[in-house]
Amino acid sequence: MPSDAPAPAVWRITLPHSAAAVPIARALIRTVLASIDPDSGAPADSDTAELLTAELVANAVEHTPGDEPVELVVELLPTGCQVEVHDGDPAPPGDLSRPDPDAMPDPWQEHGRGLLLIRTLSSSCGHRTTERGKAVWFTLPSPARPAL
């Protein structure tokens, strides 16, 4: 029996393994979320999606060896959106589970907050191995619509 629900929309883009990938990824997520029909409601908060996407892409570029490109995958879901960043390194990222209070980043350090932001601001996050390495992902819920 066919479903009347629309298939989720998915965007994929290959990004360079360089710092230039971060603004490209931010622009893509902003464009994707802005392209949604305003009457159907935004699939997620654009500012949060941009911030978390930038963190994932920056981590993939900084923490994976070589110059193999990374891939950004954005999927619009009925309940929000999911963003994945694929890279060629099968090693898992840092801890995406509940933060350890003793492992909080030093307030004087410039690094170490990206995964904390992803854990805190997303509705869920994680990683999985792929044929080429791994995918690190997060989901954001659709924002609450104001009552009419």
N, C-alpha and C. Protein backbone atom coordinates (compact mmCIF):
# COMPACT_ATOMS: atom_id res chain seq x y z
N MET A 1 0.85 -1.17 0.00
CA MET A 1 0.00 0.00 0.00
C MET A 1 0.90 1.24 0.00
N PRO A 2 0.78 2.12 -1.00
CA PRO A 2 1.64 3.29 -1.07
C PRO A 2 1.30 4.30 0.02
N SER A 3 2.33 4.98 0.47
CA SER A 3 2.16 6.00 1.51
C SER A 3 1.91 7.36 0.88
N ASP A 4 1.08 8.17 1.52
CA ASP A 4 0.83 9.53 1.04
C ASP A 4 1.87 10.51 1.56
N ALA A 5 2.71 10.05 2.48
CA ALA A 5 3.73 10.93 3.05
C ALA A 5 4.81 11.20 2.01
N PRO A 6 5.23 12.47 1.89
CA PRO A 6 6.29 12.77 0.92
C PRO A 6 7.62 12.16 1.37
N ALA A 7 8.38 11.76 0.36
CA ALA A 7 9.71 11.22 0.66
C ALA A 7 10.59 12.35 1.20
N PRO A 8 11.48 12.03 2.15
CA PRO A 8 12.36 13.08 2.66
C PRO A 8 13.28 13.60 1.57
N ALA A 9 13.57 14.89 1.62
CA ALA A 9 14.49 15.51 0.67
C ALA A 9 15.90 15.38 1.22
N VAL A 10 16.84 15.02 0.35
CA VAL A 10 18.23 14.82 0.76
C VAL A 10 19.14 15.60 -0.17
N TRP A 11 20.07 16.34 0.41
CA TRP A 11 21.11 17.05 -0.34
C TRP A 11 22.45 16.47 0.05
N ARG A 12 23.32 16.25 -0.94
CA ARG A 12 24.69 15.77 -0.71
C ARG A 12 25.65 16.67 -1.45
N ILE A 13 26.73 17.02 -0.79
CA ILE A 13 27.75 17.82 -1.45
C ILE A 13 29.13 17.38 -0.95
N THR A 14 30.05 17.27 -1.88
CA THR A 14 31.43 16.94 -1.54
C THR A 14 32.15 18.25 -1.28
N LEU A 15 32.86 18.29 -0.16
CA LEU A 15 33.56 19.50 0.26
C LEU A 15 35.07 19.25 0.27
N PRO A 16 35.85 20.29 0.02
CA PRO A 16 37.31 20.11 0.06
C PRO A 16 37.78 19.84 1.48
N HIS A 17 38.87 19.14 1.59
CA HIS A 17 39.47 18.86 2.90
C HIS A 17 40.35 20.05 3.28
N SER A 18 39.67 21.18 3.52
CA SER A 18 40.36 22.42 3.89
C SER A 18 39.41 23.29 4.68
N ALA A 19 39.96 24.35 5.26
CA ALA A 19 39.13 25.27 6.03
C ALA A 19 38.04 25.93 5.17
N ALA A 20 38.24 25.96 3.85
CA ALA A 20 37.23 26.53 2.95
C ALA A 20 35.92 25.76 3.00
N ALA A 21 35.94 24.52 3.47
CA ALA A 21 34.73 23.70 3.53
C ALA A 21 33.72 24.25 4.53
N VAL A 22 34.18 24.91 5.57
CA VAL A 22 33.28 25.37 6.63
C VAL A 22 32.29 26.43 6.13
N PRO A 23 32.74 27.53 5.50
CA PRO A 23 31.74 28.49 5.02
C PRO A 23 30.87 27.94 3.90
N ILE A 24 31.39 27.02 3.10
CA ILE A 24 30.57 26.39 2.06
C ILE A 24 29.44 25.60 2.72
N ALA A 25 29.78 24.83 3.75
CA ALA A 25 28.77 24.03 4.45
C ALA A 25 27.72 24.92 5.11
N ARG A 26 28.17 26.01 5.72
CA ARG A 26 27.22 26.94 6.36
C ARG A 26 26.26 27.51 5.32
N ALA A 27 26.81 27.91 4.18
CA ALA A 27 25.97 28.48 3.12
C ALA A 27 24.98 27.44 2.59
N LEU A 28 25.42 26.20 2.46
CA LEU A 28 24.52 25.16 1.96
C LEU A 28 23.37 24.93 2.92
N ILE A 29 23.66 24.77 4.21
CA ILE A 29 22.58 24.50 5.16
C ILE A 29 21.62 25.69 5.23
N ARG A 30 22.16 26.91 5.16
CA ARG A 30 21.31 28.09 5.17
C ARG A 30 20.39 28.10 3.93
N THR A 31 20.95 27.77 2.77
CA THR A 31 20.18 27.75 1.52
C THR A 31 19.11 26.67 1.54
N VAL A 32 19.48 25.49 2.01
CA VAL A 32 18.52 24.38 2.07
C VAL A 32 17.35 24.75 2.97
N LEU A 33 17.64 25.25 4.16
CA LEU A 33 16.55 25.57 5.09
C LEU A 33 15.73 26.75 4.63
N ALA A 34 16.34 27.69 3.92
CA ALA A 34 15.59 28.85 3.41
C ALA A 34 14.71 28.48 2.22
N SER A 35 15.02 27.36 1.56
CA SER A 35 14.27 26.97 0.37
C SER A 35 12.93 26.31 0.71
N ILE A 36 12.70 26.05 1.98
CA ILE A 36 11.47 25.39 2.40
C ILE A 36 10.32 26.37 2.34
N ASP A 37 9.19 25.88 1.85
CA ASP A 37 7.98 26.69 1.77
C ASP A 37 7.61 27.19 3.16
N PRO A 38 7.54 28.52 3.36
CA PRO A 38 7.25 29.04 4.70
C PRO A 38 5.92 28.56 5.27
N ASP A 39 4.96 28.24 4.40
CA ASP A 39 3.66 27.76 4.89
C ASP A 39 3.75 26.36 5.49
N SER A 40 4.76 25.60 5.06
CA SER A 40 4.90 24.25 5.60
C SER A 40 5.72 24.23 6.88
N GLY A 41 6.32 25.36 7.23
CA GLY A 41 7.08 25.45 8.46
C GLY A 41 8.54 25.08 8.26
N ALA A 42 9.42 25.75 8.97
CA ALA A 42 10.85 25.48 8.86
C ALA A 42 11.14 24.12 9.46
N PRO A 43 12.03 23.35 8.82
CA PRO A 43 12.36 22.04 9.37
C PRO A 43 13.26 22.11 10.60
N ALA A 44 13.94 23.22 10.80
CA ALA A 44 14.82 23.37 11.96
C ALA A 44 15.28 24.81 12.05
N ASP A 45 15.81 25.17 13.20
CA ASP A 45 16.36 26.50 13.40
C ASP A 45 17.63 26.66 12.55
N SER A 46 17.62 27.60 11.65
CA SER A 46 18.73 27.77 10.71
C SER A 46 20.03 28.16 11.40
N ASP A 47 19.97 29.05 12.38
CA ASP A 47 21.20 29.47 13.06
C ASP A 47 21.88 28.30 13.78
N THR A 48 21.08 27.50 14.48
CA THR A 48 21.64 26.34 15.18
C THR A 48 22.17 25.32 14.18
N ALA A 49 21.42 25.09 13.11
CA ALA A 49 21.87 24.14 12.08
C ALA A 49 23.19 24.59 11.47
N GLU A 50 23.34 25.88 11.20
CA GLU A 50 24.60 26.39 10.65
C GLU A 50 25.75 26.20 11.62
N LEU A 51 25.54 26.54 12.89
CA LEU A 51 26.60 26.41 13.89
C LEU A 51 27.06 24.97 14.03
N LEU A 52 26.11 24.05 14.19
CA LEU A 52 26.48 22.65 14.40
C LEU A 52 27.08 22.03 13.15
N THR A 53 26.59 22.41 11.98
CA THR A 53 27.18 21.92 10.73
C THR A 53 28.61 22.39 10.60
N ALA A 54 28.85 23.66 10.92
CA ALA A 54 30.22 24.20 10.86
C ALA A 54 31.14 23.44 11.81
N GLU A 55 30.65 23.09 12.99
CA GLU A 55 31.45 22.33 13.95
C GLU A 55 31.81 20.95 13.41
N LEU A 56 30.83 20.25 12.84
CA LEU A 56 31.10 18.92 12.31
C LEU A 56 32.11 18.96 11.16
N VAL A 57 31.91 19.91 10.24
CA VAL A 57 32.82 20.01 9.09
C VAL A 57 34.22 20.40 9.55
N ALA A 58 34.32 21.37 10.45
CA ALA A 58 35.64 21.78 10.95
C ALA A 58 36.34 20.63 11.63
N ASN A 59 35.61 19.84 12.43
CA ASN A 59 36.22 18.68 13.08
C ASN A 59 36.70 17.65 12.07
N ALA A 60 35.90 17.40 11.03
CA ALA A 60 36.30 16.43 10.01
C ALA A 60 37.57 16.87 9.30
N VAL A 61 37.66 18.15 8.99
CA VAL A 61 38.85 18.67 8.29
C VAL A 61 40.06 18.65 9.23
N GLU A 62 39.87 19.07 10.46
CA GLU A 62 40.99 19.18 11.39
C GLU A 62 41.50 17.84 11.90
N HIS A 63 40.59 16.89 12.11
CA HIS A 63 40.98 15.66 12.80
C HIS A 63 41.12 14.43 11.90
N THR A 64 40.97 14.58 10.59
CA THR A 64 41.19 13.44 9.71
C THR A 64 42.42 13.71 8.85
N PRO A 65 43.27 12.70 8.73
CA PRO A 65 44.50 12.89 7.97
C PRO A 65 44.24 12.91 6.46
N GLY A 66 45.22 13.41 5.74
CA GLY A 66 45.15 13.40 4.29
C GLY A 66 44.35 14.54 3.72
N ASP A 67 44.07 14.44 2.44
CA ASP A 67 43.33 15.51 1.77
C ASP A 67 42.07 14.99 1.09
N GLU A 68 41.62 13.78 1.51
CA GLU A 68 40.40 13.23 0.94
C GLU A 68 39.22 14.13 1.30
N PRO A 69 38.36 14.44 0.34
CA PRO A 69 37.23 15.34 0.63
C PRO A 69 36.29 14.76 1.68
N VAL A 70 35.50 15.64 2.27
CA VAL A 70 34.45 15.23 3.20
C VAL A 70 33.11 15.43 2.48
N GLU A 71 32.11 14.73 2.94
CA GLU A 71 30.79 14.86 2.32
C GLU A 71 29.78 15.34 3.36
N LEU A 72 28.99 16.33 2.96
CA LEU A 72 27.92 16.85 3.79
C LEU A 72 26.60 16.31 3.26
N VAL A 73 25.79 15.75 4.15
CA VAL A 73 24.49 15.21 3.77
C VAL A 73 23.45 15.88 4.67
N VAL A 74 22.47 16.52 4.05
CA VAL A 74 21.39 17.19 4.78
C VAL A 74 20.09 16.51 4.37
N GLU A 75 19.36 16.01 5.36
CA GLU A 75 18.09 15.34 5.09
C GLU A 75 16.98 16.04 5.85
N LEU A 76 15.96 16.47 5.10
CA LEU A 76 14.78 17.07 5.73
C LEU A 76 13.83 15.95 6.10
N LEU A 77 13.42 15.94 7.35
CA LEU A 77 12.54 14.91 7.88
C LEU A 77 11.21 15.54 8.26
N PRO A 78 10.16 14.74 8.38
CA PRO A 78 8.88 15.31 8.82
C PRO A 78 8.96 15.98 10.19
N THR A 79 9.92 15.56 11.01
CA THR A 79 10.03 16.10 12.36
C THR A 79 11.18 17.08 12.53
N GLY A 80 11.91 17.41 11.47
CA GLY A 80 13.04 18.32 11.57
C GLY A 80 14.05 18.06 10.46
N CYS A 81 15.33 18.04 10.82
CA CYS A 81 16.35 17.74 9.83
C CYS A 81 17.49 16.97 10.48
N GLN A 82 18.21 16.23 9.65
CA GLN A 82 19.41 15.52 10.10
C GLN A 82 20.56 15.93 9.20
N VAL A 83 21.69 16.20 9.82
CA VAL A 83 22.90 16.59 9.10
C VAL A 83 23.98 15.57 9.43
N GLU A 84 24.66 15.08 8.38
CA GLU A 84 25.76 14.14 8.55
C GLU A 84 26.99 14.69 7.85
N VAL A 85 28.14 14.43 8.41
CA VAL A 85 29.41 14.73 7.75
C VAL A 85 30.18 13.41 7.68
N HIS A 86 30.52 13.03 6.45
CA HIS A 86 31.26 11.79 6.20
C HIS A 86 32.73 12.13 5.96
N ASP A 87 33.61 11.36 6.58
CA ASP A 87 35.04 11.52 6.31
C ASP A 87 35.67 10.15 6.16
N GLY A 88 36.93 10.12 5.76
CA GLY A 88 37.60 8.87 5.46
C GLY A 88 38.28 8.20 6.63
N ASP A 89 38.16 8.73 7.82
CA ASP A 89 38.81 8.16 9.00
C ASP A 89 37.80 7.34 9.79
N PRO A 90 38.03 6.02 9.95
CA PRO A 90 37.05 5.21 10.68
C PRO A 90 37.09 5.41 12.19
N ALA A 91 38.10 6.10 12.72
CA ALA A 91 38.18 6.30 14.17
C ALA A 91 36.99 7.14 14.64
N PRO A 92 36.37 6.74 15.75
CA PRO A 92 35.22 7.50 16.24
C PRO A 92 35.64 8.89 16.70
N PRO A 93 34.69 9.82 16.65
CA PRO A 93 34.99 11.16 17.15
C PRO A 93 35.08 11.12 18.67
N GLY A 94 35.27 12.26 19.27
CA GLY A 94 35.24 12.34 20.73
C GLY A 94 33.88 11.90 21.23
N ASP A 95 33.67 12.01 22.51
CA ASP A 95 32.46 11.52 23.15
C ASP A 95 31.24 12.36 22.76
N LEU A 96 30.27 11.70 22.11
CA LEU A 96 29.02 12.36 21.78
C LEU A 96 27.91 11.98 22.74
N SER A 97 28.25 11.20 23.77
CA SER A 97 27.25 10.85 24.77
C SER A 97 27.19 11.96 25.83
N ARG A 98 26.54 11.68 26.90
CA ARG A 98 26.41 12.68 27.96
C ARG A 98 27.79 13.14 28.44
N PRO A 99 27.98 14.44 28.59
CA PRO A 99 29.30 14.93 28.99
C PRO A 99 29.68 14.52 30.41
N ASP A 100 30.95 14.28 30.59
CA ASP A 100 31.50 13.99 31.91
C ASP A 100 31.82 15.34 32.56
N PRO A 101 31.23 15.65 33.72
CA PRO A 101 31.48 16.95 34.36
C PRO A 101 32.96 17.22 34.63
N ASP A 102 33.73 16.15 34.83
CA ASP A 102 35.17 16.33 35.08
C ASP A 102 35.96 16.58 33.80
N ALA A 103 35.32 16.40 32.64
CA ALA A 103 36.02 16.56 31.37
C ALA A 103 35.56 17.82 30.62
N MET A 104 35.04 18.77 31.35
CA MET A 104 34.59 20.02 30.71
C MET A 104 35.80 20.77 30.17
N PRO A 105 35.62 21.47 29.04
CA PRO A 105 36.77 22.18 28.46
C PRO A 105 37.27 23.29 29.37
N ASP A 106 38.55 23.49 29.33
CA ASP A 106 39.19 24.57 30.07
C ASP A 106 38.69 25.89 29.48
N PRO A 107 38.18 26.80 30.30
CA PRO A 107 37.63 28.06 29.76
C PRO A 107 38.68 28.92 29.05
N TRP A 108 39.96 28.65 29.27
CA TRP A 108 41.00 29.45 28.64
C TRP A 108 41.47 28.86 27.31
N GLN A 109 41.03 27.65 26.99
CA GLN A 109 41.44 27.00 25.75
C GLN A 109 40.52 27.42 24.61
N GLU A 110 41.08 27.47 23.40
CA GLU A 110 40.29 27.86 22.23
C GLU A 110 39.56 26.68 21.60
N HIS A 111 39.93 25.46 21.94
CA HIS A 111 39.33 24.27 21.34
C HIS A 111 38.63 23.44 22.39
N GLY A 112 37.84 22.46 21.93
CA GLY A 112 37.24 21.51 22.85
C GLY A 112 35.77 21.73 23.15
N ARG A 113 35.13 22.65 22.45
CA ARG A 113 33.72 22.92 22.73
C ARG A 113 32.77 22.44 21.64
N GLY A 114 33.30 22.02 20.50
CA GLY A 114 32.45 21.65 19.36
C GLY A 114 31.50 20.52 19.67
N LEU A 115 32.02 19.41 20.20
CA LEU A 115 31.15 18.28 20.52
C LEU A 115 30.20 18.61 21.66
N LEU A 116 30.64 19.45 22.58
CA LEU A 116 29.76 19.91 23.66
C LEU A 116 28.57 20.68 23.07
N LEU A 117 28.83 21.55 22.12
CA LEU A 117 27.75 22.29 21.46
C LEU A 117 26.80 21.33 20.75
N ILE A 118 27.35 20.36 20.05
CA ILE A 118 26.52 19.42 19.31
C ILE A 118 25.65 18.62 20.27
N ARG A 119 26.23 18.12 21.35
CA ARG A 119 25.46 17.36 22.35
C ARG A 119 24.37 18.21 22.97
N THR A 120 24.69 19.46 23.25
CA THR A 120 23.78 20.34 23.99
C THR A 120 22.64 20.87 23.12
N LEU A 121 22.95 21.26 21.89
CA LEU A 121 21.96 21.96 21.06
C LEU A 121 21.16 21.06 20.13
N SER A 122 21.60 19.83 19.90
CA SER A 122 20.85 18.94 19.01
C SER A 122 19.88 18.10 19.82
N SER A 123 18.87 17.56 19.12
CA SER A 123 17.94 16.66 19.81
C SER A 123 18.54 15.26 19.94
N SER A 124 19.45 14.91 19.03
CA SER A 124 20.20 13.66 19.11
C SER A 124 21.43 13.79 18.24
N CYS A 125 22.43 12.97 18.53
CA CYS A 125 23.66 13.00 17.74
C CYS A 125 24.37 11.67 17.91
N GLY A 126 25.31 11.40 17.03
CA GLY A 126 26.05 10.16 17.12
C GLY A 126 26.99 10.00 15.94
N HIS A 127 27.49 8.80 15.80
CA HIS A 127 28.36 8.49 14.66
C HIS A 127 28.15 7.03 14.28
N ARG A 128 28.54 6.70 13.07
CA ARG A 128 28.46 5.32 12.60
C ARG A 128 29.60 5.10 11.61
N THR A 129 30.03 3.87 11.51
CA THR A 129 31.05 3.58 10.51
C THR A 129 30.40 3.46 9.14
N THR A 130 31.17 3.78 8.13
CA THR A 130 30.72 3.67 6.74
C THR A 130 31.76 2.86 5.97
N GLU A 131 31.47 2.58 4.72
CA GLU A 131 32.43 1.85 3.88
C GLU A 131 33.74 2.62 3.72
N ARG A 132 33.68 3.93 3.74
CA ARG A 132 34.87 4.76 3.52
C ARG A 132 35.45 5.35 4.80
N GLY A 133 34.80 5.19 5.93
CA GLY A 133 35.29 5.80 7.16
C GLY A 133 34.19 5.89 8.20
N LYS A 134 33.69 7.12 8.43
CA LYS A 134 32.61 7.29 9.39
C LYS A 134 31.72 8.45 8.97
N ALA A 135 30.56 8.48 9.58
CA ALA A 135 29.63 9.60 9.45
C ALA A 135 29.30 10.06 10.86
N VAL A 136 29.41 11.36 11.12
CA VAL A 136 29.03 11.95 12.39
C VAL A 136 27.79 12.79 12.09
N TRP A 137 26.77 12.68 12.93
CA TRP A 137 25.49 13.30 12.62
C TRP A 137 24.84 13.95 13.84
N PHE A 138 23.89 14.82 13.53
CA PHE A 138 23.01 15.38 14.56
C PHE A 138 21.65 15.60 13.94
N THR A 139 20.63 15.65 14.77
CA THR A 139 19.29 16.00 14.32
C THR A 139 18.80 17.21 15.10
N LEU A 140 17.99 17.99 14.44
CA LEU A 140 17.33 19.14 15.06
C LEU A 140 15.84 19.01 14.82
N PRO A 141 15.04 19.29 15.83
CA PRO A 141 13.59 19.20 15.64
C PRO A 141 13.07 20.44 14.92
N SER A 142 11.88 20.29 14.36
CA SER A 142 11.20 21.47 13.81
C SER A 142 10.88 22.40 14.95
N PRO A 143 11.04 23.71 14.72
CA PRO A 143 10.68 24.64 15.80
C PRO A 143 9.17 24.60 16.06
N ALA A 144 8.82 24.88 17.28
CA ALA A 144 7.41 24.91 17.64
C ALA A 144 6.73 26.04 16.88
N ARG A 145 5.60 25.76 16.32
CA ARG A 145 4.86 26.78 15.58
C ARG A 145 3.96 27.53 16.55
N PRO A 146 3.89 28.84 16.42
CA PRO A 146 3.01 29.61 17.32
C PRO A 146 1.54 29.26 17.09
N ALA A 147 0.79 29.26 18.17
CA ALA A 147 -0.65 28.99 18.06
C ALA A 147 -1.33 30.15 17.36
N LEU A 148 -2.30 29.83 16.55
CA LEU A 148 -3.04 30.88 15.84
C LEU A 148 -4.27 31.28 16.58
